[in-house]
Each structure stands twice: as structure tokens, then as C-alpha cells.
C-alpha atoms as a PDB file:
ATOM      1  CA  VAL A   1     -44.195   3.148 -50.127  1.00  0.00           C
ATOM      2  CA  ARG A   2     -44.666   2.260 -53.783  1.00  0.00           C
ATOM      3  CA  GLU A   3     -48.410   1.904 -53.259  1.00  0.00           C
ATOM      4  CA  LEU A   4     -48.577   5.273 -51.611  1.00  0.00           C
ATOM      5  CA  GLU A   5     -46.677   6.823 -54.510  1.00  0.00           C
ATOM      6  CA  ASN A   6     -49.156   5.274 -56.941  1.00  0.00           C
ATOM      7  CA  VAL A   7     -52.097   6.707 -54.940  1.00  0.00           C
ATOM      8  CA  ILE A   8     -50.541  10.121 -54.869  1.00  0.00           C
ATOM      9  CA  GLN A   9     -49.870   9.984 -58.664  1.00  0.00           C
ATOM     10  CA  ARG A  10     -53.454   8.988 -59.345  1.00  0.00           C
ATOM     11  CA  LEU A  11     -54.776  11.708 -57.135  1.00  0.00           C
ATOM     12  CA  VAL A  12     -52.681  14.343 -58.914  1.00  0.00           C
ATOM     13  CA  VAL A  13     -53.938  13.230 -62.350  1.00  0.00           C
ATOM     14  CA  MET A  14     -57.571  12.567 -61.342  1.00  0.00           C
ATOM     15  CA  THR A  15     -58.282  15.458 -58.942  1.00  0.00           C
ATOM     16  CA  ASP A  16     -59.948  18.634 -60.245  1.00  0.00           C
ATOM     17  CA  GLY A  17     -58.212  21.684 -59.021  1.00  0.00           C
ATOM     18  CA  ASP A  18     -54.987  22.267 -57.133  1.00  0.00           C
ATOM     19  CA  ILE A  19     -56.057  20.810 -53.774  1.00  0.00           C
ATOM     20  CA  ILE A  20     -56.634  17.191 -52.910  1.00  0.00           C
ATOM     21  CA  GLU A  21     -59.569  17.001 -50.554  1.00  0.00           C
ATOM     22  CA  VAL A  22     -60.537  14.186 -48.205  1.00  0.00           C
ATOM     23  CA  PRO A  23     -63.333  12.927 -50.513  1.00  0.00           C
ATOM     24  CA  ASP A  24     -60.661  12.508 -53.259  1.00  0.00           C
ATOM     25  CA  LEU A  25     -58.784   9.970 -51.185  1.00  0.00           C
ATOM     26  CA  PRO A  26     -59.275   6.211 -51.417  1.00  0.00           C
ATOM     27  CA  CYS A  27     -61.637   4.838 -48.840  1.00  0.00           C
ATOM     28  CA  LEU A  28     -58.933   3.335 -46.640  1.00  0.00           C
ATOM     29  CA  MET A  29     -57.161   6.672 -46.369  1.00  0.00           C
ATOM     30  CA  ARG A  30     -60.129   8.573 -45.103  1.00  0.00           C
ATOM     31  CA  PHE A  31     -60.900   9.007 -41.446  1.00  0.00           C
ATOM     32  CA  SER A  32     -64.611   8.895 -42.015  1.00  0.00           C
ATOM     33  CA  ALA A  33     -65.582   8.562 -38.389  1.00  0.00           C
ATOM     34  CA  LEU A  34     -64.142  11.900 -37.473  1.00  0.00           C
ATOM     35  CA  ARG A  35     -65.250  13.636 -40.702  1.00  0.00           C
ATOM     36  CA  LYS A  36     -68.881  12.443 -40.468  1.00  0.00           C
ATOM     37  CA  THR A  37     -69.701  12.580 -36.837  1.00  0.00           C
ATOM     38  CA  GLY A  38     -67.096  14.478 -34.929  1.00  0.00           C
ATOM     39  CA  PHE A  39     -65.984  13.040 -31.558  1.00  0.00           C
ATOM     40  CA  THR A  40     -69.278  11.446 -30.570  1.00  0.00           C
ATOM     41  CA  ARG A  41     -68.304   7.816 -31.260  1.00  0.00           C
ATOM     42  CA  THR A  42     -66.247   5.566 -29.065  1.00  0.00           C
ATOM     43  CA  LEU A  43     -62.894   4.115 -30.064  1.00  0.00           C
ATOM     44  CA  ALA A  44     -64.561   0.648 -30.186  1.00  0.00           C
ATOM     45  CA  GLU A  45     -67.176   1.918 -32.649  1.00  0.00           C
ATOM     46  CA  VAL A  46     -64.575   3.454 -34.836  1.00  0.00           C
ATOM     47  CA  GLU A  47     -62.494   0.283 -34.669  1.00  0.00           C
ATOM     48  CA  VAL A  48     -65.512  -1.843 -35.759  1.00  0.00           C
ATOM     49  CA  GLU A  49     -66.195   0.434 -38.720  1.00  0.00           C
ATOM     50  CA  TYR A  50     -62.550   0.428 -39.758  1.00  0.00           C
ATOM     51  CA  ILE A  51     -62.258  -3.346 -39.546  1.00  0.00           C
ATOM     52  CA  ILE A  52     -65.441  -3.757 -41.680  1.00  0.00           C
ATOM     53  CA  ASN A  53     -64.177  -1.285 -44.245  1.00  0.00           C
ATOM     54  CA  VAL A  54     -60.788  -3.071 -44.534  1.00  0.00           C
ATOM     55  CA  LEU A  55     -62.500  -6.435 -44.840  1.00  0.00           C
ATOM     56  CA  GLU A  56     -64.808  -5.099 -47.596  1.00  0.00           C
ATOM     57  CA  SER A  57     -61.834  -3.652 -49.440  1.00  0.00           C
ATOM     58  CA  VAL A  58     -60.130  -7.016 -49.575  1.00  0.00           C
ATOM     59  CA  ASP A  59     -63.307  -9.039 -50.378  1.00  0.00           C
ATOM     60  CA  GLY A  60     -63.339 -10.637 -46.956  1.00  0.00           C
ATOM     61  CA  ASN A  61     -59.788 -11.987 -47.054  1.00  0.00           C
ATOM     62  CA  LYS A  62     -58.984 -12.110 -43.348  1.00  0.00           C
ATOM     63  CA  THR A  63     -55.249 -12.709 -43.849  1.00  0.00           C
ATOM     64  CA  HIS A  64     -54.876  -9.648 -46.082  1.00  0.00           C
ATOM     65  CA  ALA A  65     -57.100  -7.576 -43.836  1.00  0.00           C
ATOM     66  CA  ALA A  66     -54.999  -8.511 -40.730  1.00  0.00           C
ATOM     67  CA  ASP A  67     -51.902  -7.463 -42.656  1.00  0.00           C
ATOM     68  CA  ILE A  68     -53.439  -4.095 -43.529  1.00  0.00           C
ATOM     69  CA  LEU A  69     -54.575  -3.643 -39.945  1.00  0.00           C
ATOM     70  CA  GLY A  70     -51.163  -4.533 -38.578  1.00  0.00           C
ATOM     71  CA  ILE A  71     -52.518  -7.260 -36.306  1.00  0.00           C
ATOM     72  CA  ASP A  72     -52.218 -11.054 -36.192  1.00  0.00           C
ATOM     73  CA  ARG A  73     -54.959 -13.053 -37.979  1.00  0.00           C
ATOM     74  CA  LYS A  74     -55.943 -14.597 -34.664  1.00  0.00           C
ATOM     75  CA  THR A  75     -56.410 -11.104 -33.212  1.00  0.00           C
ATOM     76  CA  LEU A  76     -58.587 -10.224 -36.102  1.00  0.00           C
ATOM     77  CA  ARG A  77     -60.628 -13.396 -35.668  1.00  0.00           C
ATOM     78  CA  GLN A  78     -61.118 -12.603 -31.931  1.00  0.00           C
ATOM     79  CA  LYS A  79     -62.188  -9.010 -32.787  1.00  0.00           C
ATOM     80  CA  LEU A  80     -64.712 -10.322 -35.329  1.00  0.00           C
ATOM     81  CA  LYS A  81     -66.052 -12.826 -32.742  1.00  0.00           C
ATOM     82  CA  ASN A  82     -66.407 -10.020 -30.189  1.00  0.00           C
ATOM     83  CA  MET A  83     -68.218  -7.871 -32.795  1.00  0.00           C
ATOM     84  CA  LYS A  84     -70.801 -10.630 -33.206  1.00  0.00           C
ATOM     85  CA  ASP A  85     -71.092 -11.392 -29.506  1.00  0.00           C
ATOM     86  CA  PRO A  86     -69.906  -8.430 -27.352  1.00  0.00           C
ATOM     87  CA  SER A  87     -70.507 -10.307 -24.173  1.00  0.00           C
ATOM     88  CA  SER A  88     -67.603 -12.738 -24.856  1.00  0.00           C
END
């Protein structure tokens, strides 16, 4: 909750105008898949993009990424393995 409060405070200070738009939000708060391409992508494609974005935001720290994603580290490891080799 504190982190969200900090983000909102930063947005209020840093945003030009009276309205906070999607581009003003931090990367992890945007739903870029919907905004960019509409409903043309599968859930699996959106999940892959989101996992990659989260991993990039934590400099590849899988434990922290799993916490952000709300999944077990083993689950994240399996998803990453499946991303590399979808046939497994």
C-alpha cells in the first residue's frame, strides 16, 4: 500500500495537467498488451510479455519477480523453461 501511495504522489507531482493518463504510469502498472494491440493476442502471449517486463524491472531477480507476479519461484522457473521450449 505504501508503494502505491508513493507512486500516486509522484504522479500527482510529475504529471502535467489534471488527468493522469496511462503513459504517465510506471511500466508495471500499464496494461500495454491491451493498449497497443487490442484483443488480438492470446493470454499466453500477454503472460510472456508481462513476465519479461517484470523480470527486466527487477534486473532478472527471479525471487523478486515471482513475488511481484504472485507465484512460487518454481512456477516462474517452469514458465521460463516453457517460454524457451514450448513443446515441454
